């Protein structure tokens, strides 16, 4: 189990703190890329820092939290090699890992509660990519220009 990069903007700050506590208890190694207070900040700065760490192999995967999760997914997805997935349910978290080999999970703190966020993160982090030929083929098409 490698290091998971984690980050949030002010809208996801409280959920990030709770999720970090939960994941640490589960044995996950985390690297916090901010924000570090509930003071207003710009989500693209945090998303890009986490995405660059994942793309460079510094961290195995990442979790980003903002108010809706949408902005974080959009910003992280701009970094080459990143497959960011906004998930608001456990089923999507499982399939985005097994079918899409997503490497960053985004969630919305104003959309889901902390208990569900824990279940989604646990599922995302524990589900392997299937390596089925059809999924490998489709992923290669995502990398095409």
Foldseek 3Di string as FASTA:
>chain_A
DWEEEEEEFLQCVVLSVVLVVVVVVVPHHYDYQDDPHSPGDDLLVSLCVRLVCCQVVVTVAYEYEYQAQVVSQVSSVVDPPADEDEDDAQVVLQCCAQQVVGRYYYGHCNRHPNVRVNNSVVNNVPHHHNPPPVSVVVNVVVNDD
